[in-house]
Amino acid sequence: MLDIIGTAHAMGGQPGGESGGNPILGMLPFIMMFAVLYFLILRPQIKKQKAQQKMVDELKKGDDIITSGGIHGTILNLKDDTIVVRIADGVKVDVSRSAVSRVKGGEEEKA
C-alpha cells in the first residue's frame, strides 16, 4: 500500500504547490479577453456617445428632430436643459435635450 502512495506522490508534480511557469503567461488569456472586449464593445460605444453628445450640443432653432419617444417636431426655442418643440400647429412641448435621438436631414440620415 505504501508503494502505491509513494508512486502517486511522485507522479503528482512538485510538492508545496510551486508553479514553474511565468505568471504573465497565466494572465495572458484575461488580458486578451479584455482587449477584445475593449475594441469590439467599449470603444464603439464611447464613440457613439461622443457623437450623440456633439449632436445635442449643436442643436439650433429650426432643426427638425426626432425624440427618443418617436415624436417628430421642429425646435422653436433652446434653454439650458430643455428645448421647446412644435409638434403640430399650436402645439408646443418642452422636451429634455437628452431626449433628442436624431436631427432630420442631418448627415446620419443622408448616409
PDB file of N, CA and C in Angstrom:
ATOM      1  N   MET A   1       0.818  -1.187   0.000  1.00  0.00           N
ATOM      2  CA  MET A   1       0.000   0.000   0.000  1.00  0.00           C
ATOM      3  C   MET A   1       0.863   1.252   0.000  1.00  0.00           C
ATOM      4  N   LEU A   2       1.922   1.249   0.778  1.00  0.00           N
ATOM      5  CA  LEU A   2       2.802   2.394   0.833  1.00  0.00           C
ATOM      6  C   LEU A   2       3.494   2.638  -0.496  1.00  0.00           C
ATOM      7  N   ASP A   3       3.717   1.591  -1.245  1.00  0.00           N
ATOM      8  CA  ASP A   3       4.361   1.728  -2.548  1.00  0.00           C
ATOM      9  C   ASP A   3       3.448   2.469  -3.530  1.00  0.00           C
ATOM     10  N   ILE A   4       2.146   2.226  -3.471  1.00  0.00           N
ATOM     11  CA  ILE A   4       1.194   2.910  -4.358  1.00  0.00           C
ATOM     12  C   ILE A   4       1.133   4.399  -4.020  1.00  0.00           C
ATOM     13  N   ILE A   5       1.110   4.729  -2.737  1.00  0.00           N
ATOM     14  CA  ILE A   5       1.067   6.125  -2.313  1.00  0.00           C
ATOM     15  C   ILE A   5       2.338   6.842  -2.716  1.00  0.00           C
ATOM     16  N   GLY A   6       3.470   6.186  -2.552  1.00  0.00           N
ATOM     17  CA  GLY A   6       4.749   6.781  -2.940  1.00  0.00           C
ATOM     18  C   GLY A   6       4.813   7.023  -4.437  1.00  0.00           C
ATOM     19  N   THR A   7       4.304   6.097  -5.232  1.00  0.00           N
ATOM     20  CA  THR A   7       4.298   6.250  -6.683  1.00  0.00           C
ATOM     21  C   THR A   7       3.354   7.377  -7.095  1.00  0.00           C
ATOM     22  N   ALA A   8       2.179   7.467  -6.511  1.00  0.00           N
ATOM     23  CA  ALA A   8       1.207   8.516  -6.831  1.00  0.00           C
ATOM     24  C   ALA A   8       1.748   9.884  -6.436  1.00  0.00           C
ATOM     25  N   HIS A   9       2.432   9.943  -5.315  1.00  0.00           N
ATOM     26  CA  HIS A   9       3.014  11.202  -4.866  1.00  0.00           C
ATOM     27  C   HIS A   9       4.134  11.648  -5.799  1.00  0.00           C
ATOM     28  N   ALA A  10       4.883  10.698  -6.306  1.00  0.00           N
ATOM     29  CA  ALA A  10       5.978  11.019  -7.214  1.00  0.00           C
ATOM     30  C   ALA A  10       5.442  11.512  -8.555  1.00  0.00           C
ATOM     31  N   MET A  11       4.291  11.044  -8.976  1.00  0.00           N
ATOM     32  CA  MET A  11       3.703  11.468 -10.256  1.00  0.00           C
ATOM     33  C   MET A  11       2.961  12.791 -10.127  1.00  0.00           C
ATOM     34  N   GLY A  12       2.682  13.234  -8.939  1.00  0.00           N
ATOM     35  CA  GLY A  12       1.866  14.415  -8.708  1.00  0.00           C
ATOM     36  C   GLY A  12       2.530  15.725  -9.054  1.00  0.00           C
ATOM     37  N   GLY A  13       3.791  15.784  -9.249  1.00  0.00           N
ATOM     38  CA  GLY A  13       4.465  17.033  -9.581  1.00  0.00           C
ATOM     39  C   GLY A  13       5.255  17.549  -8.404  1.00  0.00           C
ATOM     40  N   GLN A  14       5.492  18.844  -8.386  1.00  0.00           N
ATOM     41  CA  GLN A  14       6.335  19.441  -7.362  1.00  0.00           C
ATOM     42  C   GLN A  14       5.552  19.598  -6.059  1.00  0.00           C
ATOM     43  N   PRO A  15       6.143  19.176  -4.944  1.00  0.00           N
ATOM     44  CA  PRO A  15       5.448  19.347  -3.667  1.00  0.00           C
ATOM     45  C   PRO A  15       5.444  20.807  -3.233  1.00  0.00           C
ATOM     46  N   GLY A  16       4.448  21.181  -2.465  1.00  0.00           N
ATOM     47  CA  GLY A  16       4.389  22.542  -1.934  1.00  0.00           C
ATOM     48  C   GLY A  16       3.622  23.498  -2.847  1.00  0.00           C
ATOM     49  N   GLY A  17       3.098  23.032  -3.953  1.00  0.00           N
ATOM     50  CA  GLY A  17       2.291  23.873  -4.826  1.00  0.00           C
ATOM     51  C   GLY A  17       3.072  24.909  -5.606  1.00  0.00           C
ATOM     52  N   GLU A  18       4.361  24.723  -5.763  1.00  0.00           N
ATOM     53  CA  GLU A  18       5.147  25.691  -6.527  1.00  0.00           C
ATOM     54  C   GLU A  18       4.813  25.554  -8.009  1.00  0.00           C
ATOM     55  N   SER A  19       4.647  26.660  -8.675  1.00  0.00           N
ATOM     56  CA  SER A  19       4.403  26.615 -10.112  1.00  0.00           C
ATOM     57  C   SER A  19       5.672  27.052 -10.819  1.00  0.00           C
ATOM     58  N   GLY A  20       6.014  26.333 -11.858  1.00  0.00           N
ATOM     59  CA  GLY A  20       7.252  26.624 -12.554  1.00  0.00           C
ATOM     60  C   GLY A  20       7.050  27.577 -13.732  1.00  0.00           C
ATOM     61  N   GLY A  21       5.789  27.983 -14.053  1.00  0.00           N
ATOM     62  CA  GLY A  21       5.523  28.813 -15.218  1.00  0.00           C
ATOM     63  C   GLY A  21       5.630  30.297 -14.932  1.00  0.00           C
ATOM     64  N   ASN A  22       5.605  31.063 -15.997  1.00  0.00           N
ATOM     65  CA  ASN A  22       5.665  32.515 -15.903  1.00  0.00           C
ATOM     66  C   ASN A  22       4.284  33.052 -15.508  1.00  0.00           C
ATOM     67  N   PRO A  23       4.168  33.904 -14.487  1.00  0.00           N
ATOM     68  CA  PRO A  23       2.847  34.400 -14.076  1.00  0.00           C
ATOM     69  C   PRO A  23       2.176  35.269 -15.138  1.00  0.00           C
ATOM     70  N   ILE A  24       2.951  35.903 -15.995  1.00  0.00           N
ATOM     71  CA  ILE A  24       2.352  36.731 -17.044  1.00  0.00           C
ATOM     72  C   ILE A  24       1.638  35.854 -18.069  1.00  0.00           C
ATOM     73  N   LEU A  25       2.190  34.665 -18.348  1.00  0.00           N
ATOM     74  CA  LEU A  25       1.533  33.751 -19.278  1.00  0.00           C
ATOM     75  C   LEU A  25       0.205  33.255 -18.719  1.00  0.00           C
ATOM     76  N   GLY A  26       0.102  33.147 -17.417  1.00  0.00           N
ATOM     77  CA  GLY A  26      -1.160  32.757 -16.797  1.00  0.00           C
ATOM     78  C   GLY A  26      -2.221  33.842 -16.915  1.00  0.00           C
ATOM     79  N   MET A  27      -1.786  35.098 -16.976  1.00  0.00           N
ATOM     80  CA  MET A  27      -2.721  36.225 -17.090  1.00  0.00           C
ATOM     81  C   MET A  27      -3.035  36.571 -18.549  1.00  0.00           C
ATOM     82  N   LEU A  28      -2.304  36.008 -19.486  1.00  0.00           N
ATOM     83  CA  LEU A  28      -2.457  36.344 -20.902  1.00  0.00           C
ATOM     84  C   LEU A  28      -3.883  36.155 -21.431  1.00  0.00           C
ATOM     85  N   PRO A  29      -4.589  35.065 -21.108  1.00  0.00           N
ATOM     86  CA  PRO A  29      -5.972  34.949 -21.604  1.00  0.00           C
ATOM     87  C   PRO A  29      -6.880  36.074 -21.113  1.00  0.00           C
ATOM     88  N   PHE A  30      -6.706  36.504 -19.872  1.00  0.00           N
ATOM     89  CA  PHE A  30      -7.528  37.595 -19.331  1.00  0.00           C
ATOM     90  C   PHE A  30      -7.201  38.924 -20.015  1.00  0.00           C
ATOM     91  N   ILE A  31      -5.925  39.148 -20.274  1.00  0.00           N
ATOM     92  CA  ILE A  31      -5.509  40.378 -20.956  1.00  0.00           C
ATOM     93  C   ILE A  31      -6.063  40.406 -22.375  1.00  0.00           C
ATOM     94  N   MET A  32      -5.980  39.271 -23.067  1.00  0.00           N
ATOM     95  CA  MET A  32      -6.514  39.206 -24.431  1.00  0.00           C
ATOM     96  C   MET A  32      -8.028  39.373 -24.444  1.00  0.00           C
ATOM     97  N   MET A  33      -8.720  38.801 -23.459  1.00  0.00           N
ATOM     98  CA  MET A  33     -10.172  38.938 -23.382  1.00  0.00           C
ATOM     99  C   MET A  33     -10.564  40.400 -23.153  1.00  0.00           C
ATOM    100  N   PHE A  34      -9.844  41.089 -22.284  1.00  0.00           N
ATOM    101  CA  PHE A  34     -10.133  42.497 -22.044  1.00  0.00           C
ATOM    102  C   PHE A  34      -9.889  43.327 -23.300  1.00  0.00           C
ATOM    103  N   ALA A  35      -8.816  43.033 -24.037  1.00  0.00           N
ATOM    104  CA  ALA A  35      -8.517  43.773 -25.267  1.00  0.00           C
ATOM    105  C   ALA A  35      -9.614  43.575 -26.302  1.00  0.00           C
ATOM    106  N   VAL A  36     -10.090  42.358 -26.449  1.00  0.00           N
ATOM    107  CA  VAL A  36     -11.173  42.088 -27.406  1.00  0.00           C
ATOM    108  C   VAL A  36     -12.441  42.830 -26.996  1.00  0.00           C
ATOM    109  N   LEU A  37     -12.792  42.779 -25.716  1.00  0.00           N
ATOM    110  CA  LEU A  37     -13.988  43.492 -25.240  1.00  0.00           C
ATOM    111  C   LEU A  37     -13.854  44.996 -25.450  1.00  0.00           C
ATOM    112  N   TYR A  38     -12.660  45.532 -25.221  1.00  0.00           N
ATOM    113  CA  TYR A  38     -12.459  46.962 -25.380  1.00  0.00           C
ATOM    114  C   TYR A  38     -12.665  47.370 -26.832  1.00  0.00           C
ATOM    115  N   PHE A  39     -12.030  46.673 -27.770  1.00  0.00           N
ATOM    116  CA  PHE A  39     -12.085  47.076 -29.170  1.00  0.00           C
ATOM    117  C   PHE A  39     -13.407  46.734 -29.845  1.00  0.00           C
ATOM    118  N   LEU A  40     -14.121  45.716 -29.376  1.00  0.00           N
ATOM    119  CA  LEU A  40     -15.381  45.341 -30.018  1.00  0.00           C
ATOM    120  C   LEU A  40     -16.611  45.948 -29.362  1.00  0.00           C
ATOM    121  N   ILE A  41     -16.540  46.267 -28.076  1.00  0.00           N
ATOM    122  CA  ILE A  41     -17.732  46.748 -27.382  1.00  0.00           C
ATOM    123  C   ILE A  41     -17.544  48.144 -26.815  1.00  0.00           C
ATOM    124  N   LEU A  42     -16.550  48.341 -25.975  1.00  0.00           N
ATOM    125  CA  LEU A  42     -16.416  49.604 -25.261  1.00  0.00           C
ATOM    126  C   LEU A  42     -16.055  50.774 -26.172  1.00  0.00           C
ATOM    127  N   ARG A  43     -15.076  50.606 -27.029  1.00  0.00           N
ATOM    128  CA  ARG A  43     -14.620  51.715 -27.882  1.00  0.00           C
ATOM    129  C   ARG A  43     -15.703  52.207 -28.831  1.00  0.00           C
ATOM    130  N   PRO A  44     -16.434  51.331 -29.552  1.00  0.00           N
ATOM    131  CA  PRO A  44     -17.514  51.833 -30.412  1.00  0.00           C
ATOM    132  C   PRO A  44     -18.629  52.525 -29.616  1.00  0.00           C
ATOM    133  N   GLN A  45     -18.911  52.022 -28.417  1.00  0.00           N
ATOM    134  CA  GLN A  45     -19.949  52.649 -27.591  1.00  0.00           C
ATOM    135  C   GLN A  45     -19.526  54.044 -27.154  1.00  0.00           C
ATOM    136  N   ILE A  46     -18.270  54.222 -26.794  1.00  0.00           N
ATOM    137  CA  ILE A  46     -17.766  55.539 -26.393  1.00  0.00           C
ATOM    138  C   ILE A  46     -17.835  56.509 -27.563  1.00  0.00           C
ATOM    139  N   LYS A  47     -17.469  56.042 -28.779  1.00  0.00           N
ATOM    140  CA  LYS A  47     -17.543  56.903 -29.962  1.00  0.00           C
ATOM    141  C   LYS A  47     -18.987  57.303 -30.256  1.00  0.00           C
ATOM    142  N   LYS A  48     -19.928  56.363 -30.078  1.00  0.00           N
ATOM    143  CA  LYS A  48     -21.340  56.655 -30.322  1.00  0.00           C
ATOM    144  C   LYS A  48     -21.858  57.688 -29.317  1.00  0.00           C
ATOM    145  N   GLN A  49     -21.459  57.567 -28.059  1.00  0.00           N
ATOM    146  CA  GLN A  49     -21.879  58.528 -27.040  1.00  0.00           C
ATOM    147  C   GLN A  49     -21.327  59.915 -27.327  1.00  0.00           C
ATOM    148  N   LYS A  50     -20.074  60.001 -27.785  1.00  0.00           N
ATOM    149  CA  LYS A  50     -19.493  61.300 -28.119  1.00  0.00           C
ATOM    150  C   LYS A  50     -20.215  61.939 -29.292  1.00  0.00           C
ATOM    151  N   ALA A  51     -20.572  61.142 -30.305  1.00  0.00           N
ATOM    152  CA  ALA A  51     -21.303  61.668 -31.461  1.00  0.00           C
ATOM    153  C   ALA A  51     -22.691  62.154 -31.050  1.00  0.00           C
ATOM    154  N   GLN A  52     -23.364  61.423 -30.158  1.00  0.00           N
ATOM    155  CA  GLN A  52     -24.689  61.834 -29.677  1.00  0.00           C
ATOM    156  C   GLN A  52     -24.586  63.139 -28.892  1.00  0.00           C
ATOM    157  N   GLN A  53     -23.578  63.256 -28.029  1.00  0.00           N
ATOM    158  CA  GLN A  53     -23.404  64.483 -27.246  1.00  0.00           C
ATOM    159  C   GLN A  53     -23.087  65.665 -28.150  1.00  0.00           C
ATOM    160  N   LYS A  54     -22.282  65.456 -29.175  1.00  0.00           N
ATOM    161  CA  LYS A  54     -21.954  66.525 -30.121  1.00  0.00           C
ATOM    162  C   LYS A  54     -23.219  66.984 -30.853  1.00  0.00           C
ATOM    163  N   MET A  55     -24.063  66.025 -31.263  1.00  0.00           N
ATOM    164  CA  MET A  55     -25.308  66.356 -31.948  1.00  0.00           C
ATOM    165  C   MET A  55     -26.229  67.170 -31.040  1.00  0.00           C
ATOM    166  N   VAL A  56     -26.327  66.791 -29.767  1.00  0.00           N
ATOM    167  CA  VAL A  56     -27.182  67.509 -28.820  1.00  0.00           C
ATOM    168  C   VAL A  56     -26.642  68.916 -28.576  1.00  0.00           C
ATOM    169  N   ASP A  57     -25.327  69.057 -28.501  1.00  0.00           N
ATOM    170  CA  ASP A  57     -24.723  70.372 -28.275  1.00  0.00           C
ATOM    171  C   ASP A  57     -24.905  71.309 -29.466  1.00  0.00           C
ATOM    172  N   GLU A  58     -25.031  70.758 -30.678  1.00  0.00           N
ATOM    173  CA  GLU A  58     -25.140  71.576 -31.877  1.00  0.00           C
ATOM    174  C   GLU A  58     -26.582  71.847 -32.309  1.00  0.00           C
ATOM    175  N   LEU A  59     -27.570  71.528 -31.463  1.00  0.00           N
ATOM    176  CA  LEU A  59     -28.961  71.814 -31.813  1.00  0.00           C
ATOM    177  C   LEU A  59     -29.174  73.316 -31.939  1.00  0.00           C
ATOM    178  N   LYS A  60     -30.029  73.699 -32.893  1.00  0.00           N
ATOM    179  CA  LYS A  60     -30.321  75.118 -33.077  1.00  0.00           C
ATOM    180  C   LYS A  60     -31.784  75.280 -33.468  1.00  0.00           C
ATOM    181  N   LYS A  61     -32.271  76.503 -33.388  1.00  0.00           N
ATOM    182  CA  LYS A  61     -33.660  76.798 -33.749  1.00  0.00           C
ATOM    183  C   LYS A  61     -33.913  76.409 -35.199  1.00  0.00           C
ATOM    184  N   GLY A  62     -35.085  75.844 -35.434  1.00  0.00           N
ATOM    185  CA  GLY A  62     -35.469  75.475 -36.779  1.00  0.00           C
ATOM    186  C   GLY A  62     -35.091  74.062 -37.182  1.00  0.00           C
ATOM    187  N   ASP A  63     -34.303  73.359 -36.375  1.00  0.00           N
ATOM    188  CA  ASP A  63     -33.936  71.972 -36.703  1.00  0.00           C
ATOM    189  C   ASP A  63     -35.161  71.081 -36.570  1.00  0.00           C
ATOM    190  N   ASP A  64     -35.342  70.190 -37.532  1.00  0.00           N
ATOM    191  CA  ASP A  64     -36.367  69.157 -37.426  1.00  0.00           C
ATOM    192  C   ASP A  64     -35.739  67.976 -36.707  1.00  0.00           C
ATOM    193  N   ILE A  65     -36.381  67.525 -35.620  1.00  0.00           N
ATOM    194  CA  ILE A  65     -35.797  66.490 -34.776  1.00  0.00           C
ATOM    195  C   ILE A  65     -36.762  65.332 -34.580  1.00  0.00           C
ATOM    196  N   ILE A  66     -36.207  64.231 -34.104  1.00  0.00           N
ATOM    197  CA  ILE A  66     -36.988  63.081 -33.663  1.00  0.00           C
ATOM    198  C   ILE A  66     -36.513  62.756 -32.254  1.00  0.00           C
ATOM    199  N   THR A  67     -37.452  62.658 -31.315  1.00  0.00           N
ATOM    200  CA  THR A  67     -37.084  62.349 -29.930  1.00  0.00           C
ATOM    201  C   THR A  67     -36.968  60.847 -29.747  1.00  0.00           C
ATOM    202  N   SER A  68     -36.451  60.445 -28.591  1.00  0.00           N
ATOM    203  CA  SER A  68     -36.323  59.020 -28.299  1.00  0.00           C
ATOM    204  C   SER A  68     -37.687  58.357 -28.148  1.00  0.00           C
ATOM    205  N   GLY A  69     -38.722  59.139 -27.899  1.00  0.00           N
ATOM    206  CA  GLY A  69     -40.085  58.616 -27.813  1.00  0.00           C
ATOM    207  C   GLY A  69     -40.779  58.544 -29.157  1.00  0.00           C
ATOM    208  N   GLY A  70     -40.110  59.008 -30.219  1.00  0.00           N
ATOM    209  CA  GLY A  70     -40.678  58.936 -31.559  1.00  0.00           C
ATOM    210  C   GLY A  70     -41.458  60.173 -31.983  1.00  0.00           C
ATOM    211  N   ILE A  71     -41.386  61.234 -31.218  1.00  0.00           N
ATOM    212  CA  ILE A  71     -42.100  62.465 -31.559  1.00  0.00           C
ATOM    213  C   ILE A  71     -41.272  63.261 -32.558  1.00  0.00           C
ATOM    214  N   HIS A  72     -41.915  63.641 -33.671  1.00  0.00           N
ATOM    215  CA  HIS A  72     -41.271  64.460 -34.695  1.00  0.00           C
ATOM    216  C   HIS A  72     -41.686  65.907 -34.466  1.00  0.00           C
ATOM    217  N   GLY A  73     -40.752  66.831 -34.591  1.00  0.00           N
ATOM    218  CA  GLY A  73     -41.091  68.225 -34.398  1.00  0.00           C
ATOM    219  C   GLY A  73     -39.980  69.145 -34.831  1.00  0.00           C
ATOM    220  N   THR A  74     -40.242  70.452 -34.648  1.00  0.00           N
ATOM    221  CA  THR A  74     -39.291  71.494 -35.014  1.00  0.00           C
ATOM    222  C   THR A  74     -38.942  72.290 -33.763  1.00  0.00           C
ATOM    223  N   ILE A  75     -37.654  72.575 -33.591  1.00  0.00           N
ATOM    224  CA  ILE A  75     -37.205  73.313 -32.416  1.00  0.00           C
ATOM    225  C   ILE A  75     -37.598  74.778 -32.561  1.00  0.00           C
ATOM    226  N   LEU A  76     -38.286  75.308 -31.534  1.00  0.00           N
ATOM    227  CA  LEU A  76     -38.662  76.717 -31.515  1.00  0.00           C
ATOM    228  C   LEU A  76     -37.758  77.534 -30.610  1.00  0.00           C
ATOM    229  N   ASN A  77     -37.346  76.947 -29.479  1.00  0.00           N
ATOM    230  CA  ASN A  77     -36.561  77.694 -28.501  1.00  0.00           C
ATOM    231  C   ASN A  77     -35.644  76.722 -27.764  1.00  0.00           C
ATOM    232  N   LEU A  78     -34.464  77.196 -27.444  1.00  0.00           N
ATOM    233  CA  LEU A  78     -33.495  76.391 -26.696  1.00  0.00           C
ATOM    234  C   LEU A  78     -33.281  76.997 -25.315  1.00  0.00           C
ATOM    235  N   LYS A  79     -33.309  76.168 -24.298  1.00  0.00           N
ATOM    236  CA  LYS A  79     -32.993  76.580 -22.934  1.00  0.00           C
ATOM    237  C   LYS A  79     -31.796  75.761 -22.474  1.00  0.00           C
ATOM    238  N   ASP A  80     -31.438  75.885 -21.194  1.00  0.00           N
ATOM    239  CA  ASP A  80     -30.269  75.162 -20.685  1.00  0.00           C
ATOM    240  C   ASP A  80     -30.413  73.652 -20.854  1.00  0.00           C
ATOM    241  N   ASP A  81     -31.403  73.063 -20.195  1.00  0.00           N
ATOM    242  CA  ASP A  81     -31.585  71.611 -20.224  1.00  0.00           C
ATOM    243  C   ASP A  81     -32.735  71.157 -21.107  1.00  0.00           C
ATOM    244  N   THR A  82     -33.578  72.079 -21.530  1.00  0.00           N
ATOM    245  CA  THR A  82     -34.761  71.709 -22.296  1.00  0.00           C
ATOM    246  C   THR A  82     -34.829  72.474 -23.608  1.00  0.00           C
ATOM    247  N   ILE A  83     -35.665  71.968 -24.488  1.00  0.00           N
ATOM    248  CA  ILE A  83     -35.945  72.662 -25.739  1.00  0.00           C
ATOM    249  C   ILE A  83     -37.463  72.696 -25.918  1.00  0.00           C
ATOM    250  N   VAL A  84     -37.956  73.722 -26.606  1.00  0.00           N
ATOM    251  CA  VAL A  84     -39.371  73.827 -26.917  1.00  0.00           C
ATOM    252  C   VAL A  84     -39.532  73.345 -28.351  1.00  0.00           C
ATOM    253  N   VAL A  85     -40.386  72.335 -28.515  1.00  0.00           N
ATOM    254  CA  VAL A  85     -40.575  71.701 -29.814  1.00  0.00           C
ATOM    255  C   VAL A  85     -42.019  71.876 -30.258  1.00  0.00           C
ATOM    256  N   ARG A  86     -42.212  72.318 -31.522  1.00  0.00           N
ATOM    257  CA  ARG A  86     -43.558  72.389 -32.103  1.00  0.00           C
ATOM    258  C   ARG A  86     -43.811  71.062 -32.800  1.00  0.00           C
ATOM    259  N   ILE A  87     -44.859  70.341 -32.335  1.00  0.00           N
ATOM    260  CA  ILE A  87     -45.159  69.045 -32.928  1.00  0.00           C
ATOM    261  C   ILE A  87     -46.378  69.110 -33.844  1.00  0.00           C
ATOM    262  N   ALA A  88     -47.161  70.181 -33.743  1.00  0.00           N
ATOM    263  CA  ALA A  88     -48.308  70.406 -34.625  1.00  0.00           C
ATOM    264  C   ALA A  88     -48.635  71.888 -34.552  1.00  0.00           C
ATOM    265  N   ASP A  89     -49.560  72.348 -35.390  1.00  0.00           N
ATOM    266  CA  ASP A  89     -49.935  73.755 -35.356  1.00  0.00           C
ATOM    267  C   ASP A  89     -50.535  74.096 -33.994  1.00  0.00           C
ATOM    268  N   GLY A  90     -49.901  75.020 -33.293  1.00  0.00           N
ATOM    269  CA  GLY A  90     -50.382  75.463 -31.992  1.00  0.00           C
ATOM    270  C   GLY A  90     -50.047  74.516 -30.846  1.00  0.00           C
ATOM    271  N   VAL A  91     -49.287  73.477 -31.084  1.00  0.00           N
ATOM    272  CA  VAL A  91     -48.929  72.528 -30.024  1.00  0.00           C
ATOM    273  C   VAL A  91     -47.420  72.598 -29.801  1.00  0.00           C
ATOM    274  N   LYS A  92     -47.058  73.055 -28.604  1.00  0.00           N
ATOM    275  CA  LYS A  92     -45.643  73.167 -28.232  1.00  0.00           C
ATOM    276  C   LYS A  92     -45.387  72.273 -27.026  1.00  0.00           C
ATOM    277  N   VAL A  93     -44.231  71.631 -27.024  1.00  0.00           N
ATOM    278  CA  VAL A  93     -43.889  70.702 -25.954  1.00  0.00           C
ATOM    279  C   VAL A  93     -42.471  71.007 -25.482  1.00  0.00           C
ATOM    280  N   ASP A  94     -42.279  71.011 -24.156  1.00  0.00           N
ATOM    281  CA  ASP A  94     -40.931  71.111 -23.594  1.00  0.00           C
ATOM    282  C   ASP A  94     -40.347  69.698 -23.526  1.00  0.00           C
ATOM    283  N   VAL A  95     -39.160  69.540 -24.088  1.00  0.00           N
ATOM    284  CA  VAL A  95     -38.504  68.233 -24.138  1.00  0.00           C
ATOM    285  C   VAL A  95     -37.086  68.394 -23.615  1.00  0.00           C
ATOM    286  N   SER A  96     -36.617  67.403 -22.899  1.00  0.00           N
ATOM    287  CA  SER A  96     -35.235  67.399 -22.431  1.00  0.00           C
ATOM    288  C   SER A  96     -34.293  67.284 -23.621  1.00  0.00           C
ATOM    289  N   ARG A  97     -33.156  67.961 -23.543  1.00  0.00           N
ATOM    290  CA  ARG A  97     -32.176  67.881 -24.637  1.00  0.00           C
ATOM    291  C   ARG A  97     -31.711  66.446 -24.857  1.00  0.00           C
ATOM    292  N   SER A  98     -31.560  65.702 -23.781  1.00  0.00           N
ATOM    293  CA  SER A  98     -31.068  64.326 -23.894  1.00  0.00           C
ATOM    294  C   SER A  98     -32.076  63.395 -24.558  1.00  0.00           C
ATOM    295  N   ALA A  99     -33.343  63.831 -24.692  1.00  0.00           N
ATOM    296  CA  ALA A  99     -34.361  63.001 -25.326  1.00  0.00           C
ATOM    297  C   ALA A  99     -34.295  63.072 -26.845  1.00  0.00           C
ATOM    298  N   VAL A 100     -33.491  63.971 -27.405  1.00  0.00           N
ATOM    299  CA  VAL A 100     -33.373  64.076 -28.858  1.00  0.00           C
ATOM    300  C   VAL A 100     -32.493  62.932 -29.347  1.00  0.00           C
ATOM    301  N   SER A 101     -33.055  62.125 -30.258  1.00  0.00           N
ATOM    302  CA  SER A 101     -32.267  60.998 -30.768  1.00  0.00           C
ATOM    303  C   SER A 101     -31.657  61.287 -32.128  1.00  0.00           C
ATOM    304  N   ARG A 102     -32.334  62.089 -32.959  1.00  0.00           N
ATOM    305  CA  ARG A 102     -31.812  62.388 -34.296  1.00  0.00           C
ATOM    306  C   ARG A 102     -32.246  63.767 -34.741  1.00  0.00           C
ATOM    307  N   VAL A 103     -31.483  64.317 -35.666  1.00  0.00           N
ATOM    308  CA  VAL A 103     -31.868  65.545 -36.359  1.00  0.00           C
ATOM    309  C   VAL A 103     -32.225  65.127 -37.781  1.00  0.00           C
ATOM    310  N   LYS A 104     -33.455  65.400 -38.185  1.00  0.00           N
ATOM    311  CA  LYS A 104     -33.873  65.027 -39.542  1.00  0.00           C
ATOM    312  C   LYS A 104     -33.104  65.843 -40.568  1.00  0.00           C
ATOM    313  N   GLY A 105     -32.719  65.187 -41.650  1.00  0.00           N
ATOM    314  CA  GLY A 105     -31.970  65.876 -42.687  1.00  0.00           C
ATOM    315  C   GLY A 105     -30.509  66.061 -42.356  1.00  0.00           C
ATOM    316  N   GLY A 106     -30.064  65.463 -41.250  1.00  0.00           N
ATOM    317  CA  GLY A 106     -28.660  65.560 -40.860  1.00  0.00           C
ATOM    318  C   GLY A 106     -27.814  64.581 -41.646  1.00  0.00           C
ATOM    319  N   GLU A 107     -26.545  64.551 -41.362  1.00  0.00           N
ATOM    320  CA  GLU A 107     -25.607  63.682 -42.061  1.00  0.00           C
ATOM    321  C   GLU A 107     -25.924  62.211 -41.843  1.00  0.00           C
ATOM    322  N   GLU A 108     -26.443  61.842 -40.674  1.00  0.00           N
ATOM    323  CA  GLU A 108     -26.747  60.452 -40.380  1.00  0.00           C
ATOM    324  C   GLU A 108     -27.834  59.917 -41.319  1.00  0.00           C
ATOM    325  N   GLU A 109     -28.841  60.749 -41.600  1.00  0.00           N
ATOM    326  CA  GLU A 109     -29.946  60.310 -42.428  1.00  0.00           C
ATOM    327  C   GLU A 109     -29.560  60.232 -43.891  1.00  0.00           C
ATOM    328  N   LYS A 110     -28.618  61.064 -44.323  1.00  0.00           N
ATOM    329  CA  LYS A 110     -28.185  61.062 -45.726  1.00  0.00           C
ATOM    330  C   LYS A 110     -27.371  59.825 -46.038  1.00  0.00           C
ATOM    331  N   ALA A 111     -26.661  59.300 -45.045  1.00  0.00           N
ATOM    332  CA  ALA A 111     -25.783  58.128 -45.266  1.00  0.00           C
ATOM    333  C   ALA A 111     -26.528  56.846 -45.369  1.00  0.00           C
TER     334      ALA A 111
END
